[in-house]
C-alpha atoms as a PDB file:
ATOM      1  CA  MET A   1       0.000   0.000   0.000  1.00  0.00           C
ATOM      2  CA  SER A   2       2.833   2.377   0.785  1.00  0.00           C
ATOM      3  CA  GLY A   3       4.078   2.132  -2.810  1.00  0.00           C
ATOM      4  CA  LEU A   4       0.680   3.158  -4.167  1.00  0.00           C
ATOM      5  CA  GLU A   5       0.495   6.045  -1.711  1.00  0.00           C
ATOM      6  CA  ASP A   6       3.949   7.223  -2.792  1.00  0.00           C
ATOM      7  CA  LYS A   7       2.827   7.192  -6.437  1.00  0.00           C
ATOM      8  CA  GLU A   8      -0.244   9.242  -5.608  1.00  0.00           C
ATOM      9  CA  ASN A   9       1.845  11.791  -3.720  1.00  0.00           C
ATOM     10  CA  VAL A  10       4.360  12.296  -6.534  1.00  0.00           C
ATOM     11  CA  VAL A  11       4.263  15.900  -7.717  1.00  0.00           C
ATOM     12  CA  SER A  12       3.717  16.225 -11.481  1.00  0.00           C
ATOM     13  CA  PRO A  13       6.823  17.488 -13.317  1.00  0.00           C
ATOM     14  CA  VAL A  14       7.023  21.024 -14.651  1.00  0.00           C
ATOM     15  CA  GLN A  15       7.585  21.226 -18.415  1.00  0.00           C
ATOM     16  CA  ASP A  16       9.834  24.269 -18.779  1.00  0.00           C
ATOM     17  CA  SER A  17      12.209  23.427 -21.623  1.00  0.00           C
ATOM     18  CA  PHE A  18      12.501  25.847 -24.543  1.00  0.00           C
ATOM     19  CA  VAL A  19      13.872  23.075 -26.756  1.00  0.00           C
ATOM     20  CA  ALA A  20      10.938  20.790 -25.921  1.00  0.00           C
ATOM     21  CA  GLY A  21       8.505  23.581 -26.747  1.00  0.00           C
ATOM     22  CA  LEU A  22      10.294  24.317 -30.007  1.00  0.00           C
ATOM     23  CA  ARG A  23      10.192  20.634 -30.953  1.00  0.00           C
ATOM     24  CA  ASP A  24       6.469  20.416 -30.239  1.00  0.00           C
ATOM     25  CA  GLY A  25       5.785  23.587 -32.211  1.00  0.00           C
ATOM     26  CA  VAL A  26       7.596  22.600 -35.434  1.00  0.00           C
ATOM     27  CA  PRO A  27       4.786  20.336 -36.783  1.00  0.00           C
ATOM     28  CA  ILE A  28       2.294  23.119 -36.090  1.00  0.00           C
ATOM     29  CA  GLY A  29       4.483  25.634 -37.872  1.00  0.00           C
ATOM     30  CA  LEU A  30       4.759  23.423 -40.955  1.00  0.00           C
ATOM     31  CA  GLY A  31       0.993  23.079 -41.094  1.00  0.00           C
ATOM     32  CA  TYR A  32       0.502  26.817 -40.689  1.00  0.00           C
ATOM     33  CA  PHE A  33       2.987  27.496 -43.469  1.00  0.00           C
ATOM     34  CA  SER A  34       0.957  25.535 -46.005  1.00  0.00           C
ATOM     35  CA  VAL A  35      -2.383  27.058 -44.959  1.00  0.00           C
ATOM     36  CA  SER A  36      -1.166  30.666 -44.825  1.00  0.00           C
ATOM     37  CA  ILE A  37       0.141  30.430 -48.404  1.00  0.00           C
ATOM     38  CA  THR A  38      -3.491  30.454 -49.492  1.00  0.00           C
ATOM     39  CA  PHE A  39      -4.207  33.480 -47.315  1.00  0.00           C
ATOM     40  CA  GLY A  40      -1.302  35.411 -48.829  1.00  0.00           C
ATOM     41  CA  MET A  41      -2.439  34.581 -52.353  1.00  0.00           C
ATOM     42  CA  MET A  42      -6.062  35.527 -51.660  1.00  0.00           C
ATOM     43  CA  ALA A  43      -5.056  38.812 -50.014  1.00  0.00           C
ATOM     44  CA  VAL A  44      -2.864  39.953 -52.890  1.00  0.00           C
ATOM     45  CA  ALA A  45      -5.272  38.655 -55.531  1.00  0.00           C
ATOM     46  CA  GLY A  46      -7.989  40.785 -53.908  1.00  0.00           C
ATOM     47  CA  GLY A  47      -5.903  43.947 -54.181  1.00  0.00           C
ATOM     48  CA  LEU A  48      -3.861  44.152 -50.977  1.00  0.00           C
ATOM     49  CA  PRO A  49      -0.134  44.840 -51.287  1.00  0.00           C
ATOM     50  CA  VAL A  50       2.324  42.175 -50.161  1.00  0.00           C
ATOM     51  CA  TRP A  51       3.348  44.148 -47.079  1.00  0.00           C
ATOM     52  CA  ALA A  52      -0.275  44.513 -45.944  1.00  0.00           C
ATOM     53  CA  ALA A  53      -0.943  40.765 -46.237  1.00  0.00           C
ATOM     54  CA  LEU A  54       2.210  40.047 -44.234  1.00  0.00           C
ATOM     55  CA  ALA A  55       1.318  42.673 -41.609  1.00  0.00           C
ATOM     56  CA  ILE A  56      -2.123  41.116 -41.105  1.00  0.00           C
ATOM     57  CA  SER A  57      -0.621  37.677 -40.471  1.00  0.00           C
ATOM     58  CA  MET A  58       2.099  38.987 -38.177  1.00  0.00           C
ATOM     59  CA  THR A  59      -0.382  40.896 -36.006  1.00  0.00           C
ATOM     60  CA  ASN A  60      -3.298  38.416 -35.915  1.00  0.00           C
ATOM     61  CA  VAL A  61      -2.392  34.724 -36.341  1.00  0.00           C
ATOM     62  CA  THR A  62      -5.975  33.509 -36.652  1.00  0.00           C
ATOM     63  CA  SER A  63      -6.801  31.568 -39.791  1.00  0.00           C
ATOM     64  CA  ALA A  64     -10.617  31.663 -39.729  1.00  0.00           C
ATOM     65  CA  GLY A  65     -10.629  35.252 -38.486  1.00  0.00           C
ATOM     66  CA  GLN A  66      -8.232  36.437 -41.173  1.00  0.00           C
ATOM     67  CA  PHE A  67     -10.109  34.774 -44.023  1.00  0.00           C
ATOM     68  CA  ALA A  68     -13.380  36.221 -42.724  1.00  0.00           C
ATOM     69  CA  GLY A  69     -11.665  39.584 -42.441  1.00  0.00           C
ATOM     70  CA  LEU A  70     -10.618  39.425 -46.086  1.00  0.00           C
ATOM     71  CA  THR A  71     -14.233  38.801 -47.076  1.00  0.00           C
ATOM     72  CA  LEU A  72     -15.297  41.911 -45.174  1.00  0.00           C
ATOM     73  CA  ILE A  73     -12.461  44.050 -46.511  1.00  0.00           C
ATOM     74  CA  PHE A  74     -13.137  43.137 -50.116  1.00  0.00           C
ATOM     75  CA  GLY A  75     -16.894  43.389 -49.576  1.00  0.00           C
ATOM     76  CA  GLY A  76     -16.680  46.889 -48.115  1.00  0.00           C
ATOM     77  CA  GLY A  77     -17.719  45.890 -44.601  1.00  0.00           C
ATOM     78  CA  SER A  78     -17.689  48.481 -41.837  1.00  0.00           C
ATOM     79  CA  LEU A  79     -15.240  48.537 -38.943  1.00  0.00           C
ATOM     80  CA  PHE A  80     -18.069  47.588 -36.568  1.00  0.00           C
ATOM     81  CA  GLU A  81     -18.956  44.527 -38.672  1.00  0.00           C
ATOM     82  CA  THR A  82     -15.314  43.520 -38.815  1.00  0.00           C
ATOM     83  CA  ALA A  83     -14.818  43.890 -35.058  1.00  0.00           C
ATOM     84  CA  LEU A  84     -18.019  42.009 -34.222  1.00  0.00           C
ATOM     85  CA  THR A  85     -17.189  39.214 -36.669  1.00  0.00           C
ATOM     86  CA  GLN A  86     -13.737  38.765 -35.157  1.00  0.00           C
ATOM     87  CA  LEU A  87     -15.243  38.710 -31.660  1.00  0.00           C
ATOM     88  CA  VAL A  88     -17.680  35.938 -32.574  1.00  0.00           C
ATOM     89  CA  ILE A  89     -15.153  33.847 -34.495  1.00  0.00           C
ATOM     90  CA  ASN A  90     -12.312  34.175 -31.993  1.00  0.00           C
ATOM     91  CA  LEU A  91     -14.290  34.061 -28.740  1.00  0.00           C
ATOM     92  CA  ARG A  92     -13.203  30.453 -28.242  1.00  0.00           C
ATOM     93  CA  TYR A  93      -9.662  31.627 -27.528  1.00  0.00           C
ATOM     94  CA  ALA A  94     -10.868  33.339 -24.354  1.00  0.00           C
ATOM     95  CA  LEU A  95     -12.241  30.012 -23.129  1.00  0.00           C
ATOM     96  CA  MET A  96      -8.999  28.257 -24.082  1.00  0.00           C
ATOM     97  CA  GLY A  97      -7.019  30.889 -22.196  1.00  0.00           C
ATOM     98  CA  LEU A  98      -9.103  30.428 -19.053  1.00  0.00           C
ATOM     99  CA  SER A  99      -8.607  26.677 -19.225  1.00  0.00           C
ATOM    100  CA  LEU A 100      -4.869  26.861 -19.881  1.00  0.00           C
ATOM    101  CA  SER A 101      -4.257  29.453 -17.170  1.00  0.00           C
ATOM    102  CA  GLN A 102      -4.917  26.729 -14.593  1.00  0.00           C
ATOM    103  CA  LYS A 103      -2.003  24.719 -15.978  1.00  0.00           C
ATOM    104  CA  LEU A 104       0.656  27.433 -15.972  1.00  0.00           C
ATOM    105  CA  HIS A 105       3.486  27.361 -13.442  1.00  0.00           C
ATOM    106  CA  THR A 106       3.848  30.206 -10.972  1.00  0.00           C
ATOM    107  CA  SER A 107       7.003  31.325 -12.827  1.00  0.00           C
ATOM    108  CA  VAL A 108       4.832  32.476 -15.752  1.00  0.00           C
ATOM    109  CA  ARG A 109       4.557  36.236 -15.324  1.00  0.00           C
ATOM    110  CA  LEU A 110       1.802  38.567 -16.521  1.00  0.00           C
ATOM    111  CA  VAL A 111       3.877  39.708 -19.497  1.00  0.00           C
ATOM    112  CA  ASP A 112       4.441  36.048 -20.444  1.00  0.00           C
ATOM    113  CA  ARG A 113       0.699  35.388 -20.306  1.00  0.00           C
ATOM    114  CA  LEU A 114      -0.025  38.400 -22.506  1.00  0.00           C
ATOM    115  CA  LEU A 115       2.524  37.345 -25.120  1.00  0.00           C
ATOM    116  CA  PHE A 116       1.354  33.748 -25.108  1.00  0.00           C
ATOM    117  CA  SER A 117      -2.288  34.809 -25.450  1.00  0.00           C
ATOM    118  CA  PHE A 118      -1.328  36.377 -28.785  1.00  0.00           C
ATOM    119  CA  MET A 119      -0.141  32.980 -30.056  1.00  0.00           C
ATOM    120  CA  LEU A 120      -2.873  30.869 -28.435  1.00  0.00           C
ATOM    121  CA  THR A 121      -4.331  28.955 -31.366  1.00  0.00           C
ATOM    122  CA  ASP A 122      -6.310  25.700 -31.421  1.00  0.00           C
ATOM    123  CA  GLU A 123      -3.228  23.585 -32.140  1.00  0.00           C
ATOM    124  CA  VAL A 124      -0.957  25.399 -29.680  1.00  0.00           C
ATOM    125  CA  PHE A 125      -3.624  25.009 -26.996  1.00  0.00           C
ATOM    126  CA  ALA A 126      -3.958  21.284 -27.692  1.00  0.00           C
ATOM    127  CA  VAL A 127      -0.209  20.668 -27.511  1.00  0.00           C
ATOM    128  CA  THR A 128       0.349  22.794 -24.413  1.00  0.00           C
ATOM    129  CA  SER A 129      -2.631  21.508 -22.445  1.00  0.00           C
ATOM    130  CA  GLY A 130      -1.566  17.942 -23.243  1.00  0.00           C
ATOM    131  CA  GLN A 131       1.712  18.279 -21.335  1.00  0.00           C
ATOM    132  CA  ARG A 132       2.115  16.420 -18.070  1.00  0.00           C
ATOM    133  CA  GLY A 133       2.043  18.632 -15.029  1.00  0.00           C
ATOM    134  CA  GLU A 134       2.415  22.391 -15.124  1.00  0.00           C
ATOM    135  CA  VAL A 135       3.939  24.365 -17.990  1.00  0.00           C
ATOM    136  CA  GLY A 136       6.685  26.952 -17.526  1.00  0.00           C
ATOM    137  CA  ARG A 137       7.382  30.101 -19.504  1.00  0.00           C
ATOM    138  CA  HIS A 138      10.405  28.743 -21.365  1.00  0.00           C
ATOM    139  CA  TYR A 139       8.266  26.007 -22.878  1.00  0.00           C
ATOM    140  CA  LEU A 140       5.612  28.570 -23.817  1.00  0.00           C
ATOM    141  CA  TYR A 141       8.122  30.684 -25.716  1.00  0.00           C
ATOM    142  CA  GLY A 142       9.529  27.612 -27.427  1.00  0.00           C
ATOM    143  CA  VAL A 143       6.161  26.372 -28.653  1.00  0.00           C
ATOM    144  CA  MET A 144       5.300  29.844 -30.016  1.00  0.00           C
ATOM    145  CA  VAL A 145       8.279  30.252 -32.350  1.00  0.00           C
ATOM    146  CA  ALA A 146       7.590  27.824 -35.205  1.00  0.00           C
ATOM    147  CA  PRO A 147       3.827  28.490 -35.523  1.00  0.00           C
ATOM    148  CA  TYR A 148       4.355  32.259 -35.613  1.00  0.00           C
ATOM    149  CA  PHE A 149       7.097  32.278 -38.224  1.00  0.00           C
ATOM    150  CA  GLY A 150       5.451  29.457 -40.163  1.00  0.00           C
ATOM    151  CA  TRP A 151       2.255  31.512 -40.470  1.00  0.00           C
ATOM    152  CA  ALA A 152       4.140  34.688 -41.418  1.00  0.00           C
ATOM    153  CA  LEU A 153       6.508  33.036 -43.920  1.00  0.00           C
ATOM    154  CA  GLY A 154       3.657  31.119 -45.539  1.00  0.00           C
ATOM    155  CA  THR A 155       1.716  34.360 -45.995  1.00  0.00           C
ATOM    156  CA  LEU A 156       4.762  36.052 -47.508  1.00  0.00           C
ATOM    157  CA  THR A 157       5.348  33.100 -49.845  1.00  0.00           C
ATOM    158  CA  GLY A 158       1.756  33.107 -51.040  1.00  0.00           C
ATOM    159  CA  ALA A 159       1.669  36.876 -51.458  1.00  0.00           C
ATOM    160  CA  VAL A 160       4.850  36.945 -53.539  1.00  0.00           C
ATOM    161  CA  ALA A 161       3.806  33.870 -55.544  1.00  0.00           C
ATOM    162  CA  SER A 162       0.496  35.522 -56.352  1.00  0.00           C
ATOM    163  CA  ARG A 163       2.415  38.248 -58.167  1.00  0.00           C
ATOM    164  CA  LEU A 164       4.554  35.785 -60.114  1.00  0.00           C
ATOM    165  CA  LEU A 165       2.283  32.851 -60.982  1.00  0.00           C
ATOM    166  CA  PRO A 166      -0.026  32.873 -64.024  1.00  0.00           C
ATOM    167  CA  GLN A 167      -3.682  33.698 -63.464  1.00  0.00           C
ATOM    168  CA  ALA A 168      -4.796  30.131 -64.202  1.00  0.00           C
ATOM    169  CA  VAL A 169      -2.521  28.748 -61.478  1.00  0.00           C
ATOM    170  CA  ARG A 170      -3.625  31.400 -58.968  1.00  0.00           C
ATOM    171  CA  ALA A 171      -7.262  30.591 -59.638  1.00  0.00           C
ATOM    172  CA  ALA A 172      -6.632  26.890 -59.096  1.00  0.00           C
ATOM    173  CA  LEU A 173      -4.768  27.453 -55.835  1.00  0.00           C
ATOM    174  CA  SER A 174      -7.459  29.813 -54.526  1.00  0.00           C
ATOM    175  CA  ILE A 175      -9.724  26.840 -53.734  1.00  0.00           C
ATOM    176  CA  ALA A 176      -7.180  25.380 -51.322  1.00  0.00           C
ATOM    177  CA  ILE A 177      -8.780  27.159 -48.356  1.00  0.00           C
ATOM    178  CA  TYR A 178     -12.088  25.414 -49.054  1.00  0.00           C
ATOM    179  CA  GLY A 179     -10.273  22.094 -49.138  1.00  0.00           C
ATOM    180  CA  MET A 180      -8.686  22.911 -45.779  1.00  0.00           C
ATOM    181  CA  PHE A 181     -12.039  23.622 -44.122  1.00  0.00           C
ATOM    182  CA  ILE A 182     -13.550  20.476 -45.635  1.00  0.00           C
ATOM    183  CA  ALA A 183     -10.615  18.464 -44.295  1.00  0.00           C
ATOM    184  CA  ILE A 184     -11.227  19.931 -40.835  1.00  0.00           C
ATOM    185  CA  VAL A 185     -14.993  19.409 -40.719  1.00  0.00           C
ATOM    186  CA  VAL A 186     -15.543  16.077 -42.516  1.00  0.00           C
ATOM    187  CA  PRO A 187     -13.531  13.734 -40.212  1.00  0.00           C
ATOM    188  CA  VAL A 188     -15.219  15.161 -37.103  1.00  0.00           C
ATOM    189  CA  ALA A 189     -18.660  15.207 -38.741  1.00  0.00           C
ATOM    190  CA  LYS A 190     -18.310  11.513 -39.655  1.00  0.00           C
ATOM    191  CA  LYS A 191     -17.849  10.658 -35.982  1.00  0.00           C
ATOM    192  CA  ASN A 192     -20.245  13.191 -34.465  1.00  0.00           C
ATOM    193  CA  ARG A 193     -23.728  13.644 -35.921  1.00  0.00           C
ATOM    194  CA  ALA A 194     -24.190  16.907 -34.028  1.00  0.00           C
ATOM    195  CA  VAL A 195     -21.208  18.471 -35.808  1.00  0.00           C
ATOM    196  CA  LEU A 196     -22.609  17.326 -39.150  1.00  0.00           C
ATOM    197  CA  CYS A 197     -25.983  18.897 -38.375  1.00  0.00           C
ATOM    198  CA  VAL A 198     -24.435  22.183 -37.218  1.00  0.00           C
ATOM    199  CA  ALA A 199     -22.275  22.389 -40.357  1.00  0.00           C
ATOM    200  CA  ALA A 200     -25.276  21.628 -42.573  1.00  0.00           C
ATOM    201  CA  LEU A 201     -27.391  24.227 -40.764  1.00  0.00           C
ATOM    202  CA  ALA A 202     -24.668  26.850 -41.175  1.00  0.00           C
ATOM    203  CA  ALA A 203     -24.519  26.062 -44.916  1.00  0.00           C
ATOM    204  CA  LEU A 204     -28.309  26.360 -45.246  1.00  0.00           C
ATOM    205  CA  LEU A 205     -28.341  29.663 -43.387  1.00  0.00           C
ATOM    206  CA  SER A 206     -25.534  30.963 -45.593  1.00  0.00           C
ATOM    207  CA  CYS A 207     -27.537  30.035 -48.705  1.00  0.00           C
ATOM    208  CA  ALA A 208     -30.607  31.705 -47.232  1.00  0.00           C
ATOM    209  CA  VAL A 209     -28.917  35.049 -46.595  1.00  0.00           C
ATOM    210  CA  THR A 210     -27.353  34.883 -50.057  1.00  0.00           C
ATOM    211  CA  TYR A 211     -30.379  34.053 -52.206  1.00  0.00           C
ATOM    212  CA  LEU A 212     -33.663  34.695 -50.338  1.00  0.00           C
ATOM    213  CA  PRO A 213     -35.373  38.055 -50.925  1.00  0.00           C
ATOM    214  CA  GLY A 214     -35.157  40.293 -47.890  1.00  0.00           C
ATOM    215  CA  LEU A 215     -32.219  38.367 -46.453  1.00  0.00           C
ATOM    216  CA  ARG A 216     -29.783  38.839 -49.318  1.00  0.00           C
ATOM    217  CA  ASN A 217     -29.616  42.549 -48.506  1.00  0.00           C
ATOM    218  CA  ILE A 218     -27.823  41.721 -45.237  1.00  0.00           C
ATOM    219  CA  SER A 219     -24.187  42.754 -45.425  1.00  0.00           C
ATOM    220  CA  SER A 220     -21.531  40.054 -45.620  1.00  0.00           C
ATOM    221  CA  GLY A 221     -20.234  40.860 -42.134  1.00  0.00           C
ATOM    222  CA  PHE A 222     -23.562  40.468 -40.376  1.00  0.00           C
ATOM    223  CA  ALA A 223     -24.359  37.426 -42.541  1.00  0.00           C
ATOM    224  CA  ILE A 224     -21.283  35.648 -41.154  1.00  0.00           C
ATOM    225  CA  ILE A 225     -22.203  36.645 -37.601  1.00  0.00           C
ATOM    226  CA  LEU A 226     -25.835  35.572 -38.034  1.00  0.00           C
ATOM    227  CA  CYS A 227     -24.983  32.151 -39.494  1.00  0.00           C
ATOM    228  CA  THR A 228     -22.287  31.461 -36.889  1.00  0.00           C
ATOM    229  CA  VAL A 229     -24.357  32.438 -33.854  1.00  0.00           C
ATOM    230  CA  LEU A 230     -27.568  30.700 -34.969  1.00  0.00           C
ATOM    231  CA  ALA A 231     -25.846  27.446 -35.978  1.00  0.00           C
ATOM    232  CA  ALA A 232     -23.742  27.338 -32.798  1.00  0.00           C
ATOM    233  CA  ALA A 233     -26.739  28.165 -30.597  1.00  0.00           C
ATOM    234  CA  ALA A 234     -28.811  25.423 -32.233  1.00  0.00           C
ATOM    235  CA  GLY A 235     -26.010  22.915 -31.707  1.00  0.00           C
ATOM    236  CA  ALA A 236     -25.593  23.905 -28.052  1.00  0.00           C
ATOM    237  CA  TYR A 237     -29.356  23.675 -27.415  1.00  0.00           C
ATOM    238  CA  PHE A 238     -30.184  20.430 -29.215  1.00  0.00           C
ATOM    239  CA  ALA A 239     -26.880  18.573 -28.683  1.00  0.00           C
ATOM    240  CA  PRO A 240     -25.253  19.835 -25.473  1.00  0.00           C
ATOM    241  CA  VAL A 241     -21.998  18.243 -24.360  1.00  0.00           C
ATOM    242  CA  SER A 242     -22.460  16.427 -21.047  1.00  0.00           C
ATOM    243  CA  ASP A 243     -19.925  16.582 -18.225  1.00  0.00           C
ATOM    244  CA  GLY A 244     -19.039  12.943 -18.824  1.00  0.00           C
ATOM    245  CA  MET A 245     -18.181  13.602 -22.463  1.00  0.00           C
ATOM    246  CA  GLU A 246     -16.069  16.629 -21.511  1.00  0.00           C
ATOM    247  CA  THR A 247     -14.107  14.555 -19.011  1.00  0.00           C
ATOM    248  CA  GLU A 248     -13.594  11.776 -21.537  1.00  0.00           C
ATOM    249  CA  ALA A 249     -12.402  14.226 -24.182  1.00  0.00           C
ATOM    250  CA  ALA A 250      -9.999  15.883 -21.741  1.00  0.00           C
ATOM    251  CA  SER A 251      -8.472  12.568 -20.765  1.00  0.00           C
END
């Protein structure tokens, strides 16, 4: 019995290695590089200069938010629509931050938390929260490096390539973002019927605000907000996640 008690009393290790964080962040950075190429190409193809596309990626680092922002910019959306759209799309990061804050070591200062919150993406959250024990600030800085530069360099590559490649090639590559979203949604939707229904409802709502009289006059910014909020609210109401499922997913 004493051996079992000793195991239970063992304090979880603190992951505070910059090298370990850098190693864990490299696969994320490679993935971000490939996705952000499409963003850079779409931004420049829509009329933004290369430097502006790069500046957006270096000051945001949010794939869905940036692509939605491009839609609003090119569609003439107002600043209020843009701000509200970004709030709705990126609100999940606030919840991730609250969850991850419970895992941070006491050595993580306020300035470290602020800098890490800038780079808190879905993948970075998953990798960091999956570490055993608490996480120190050196690991946080290590895991931030590759995703940040991968996203920025991919945007720069796509923006420059958009100026050099023929129009036919640019048009073909412009559909890559749709392939990325399909690749994200389909595997989860195949396992979870609720996700499939929410995605289908969002698609139907998007078609409604695009083609139905009276609704098609809604601006693109508020159309995105309306579809997102209604589909998410319907999913939360009709298919709520139970505490048991949350615990199972966390484990």
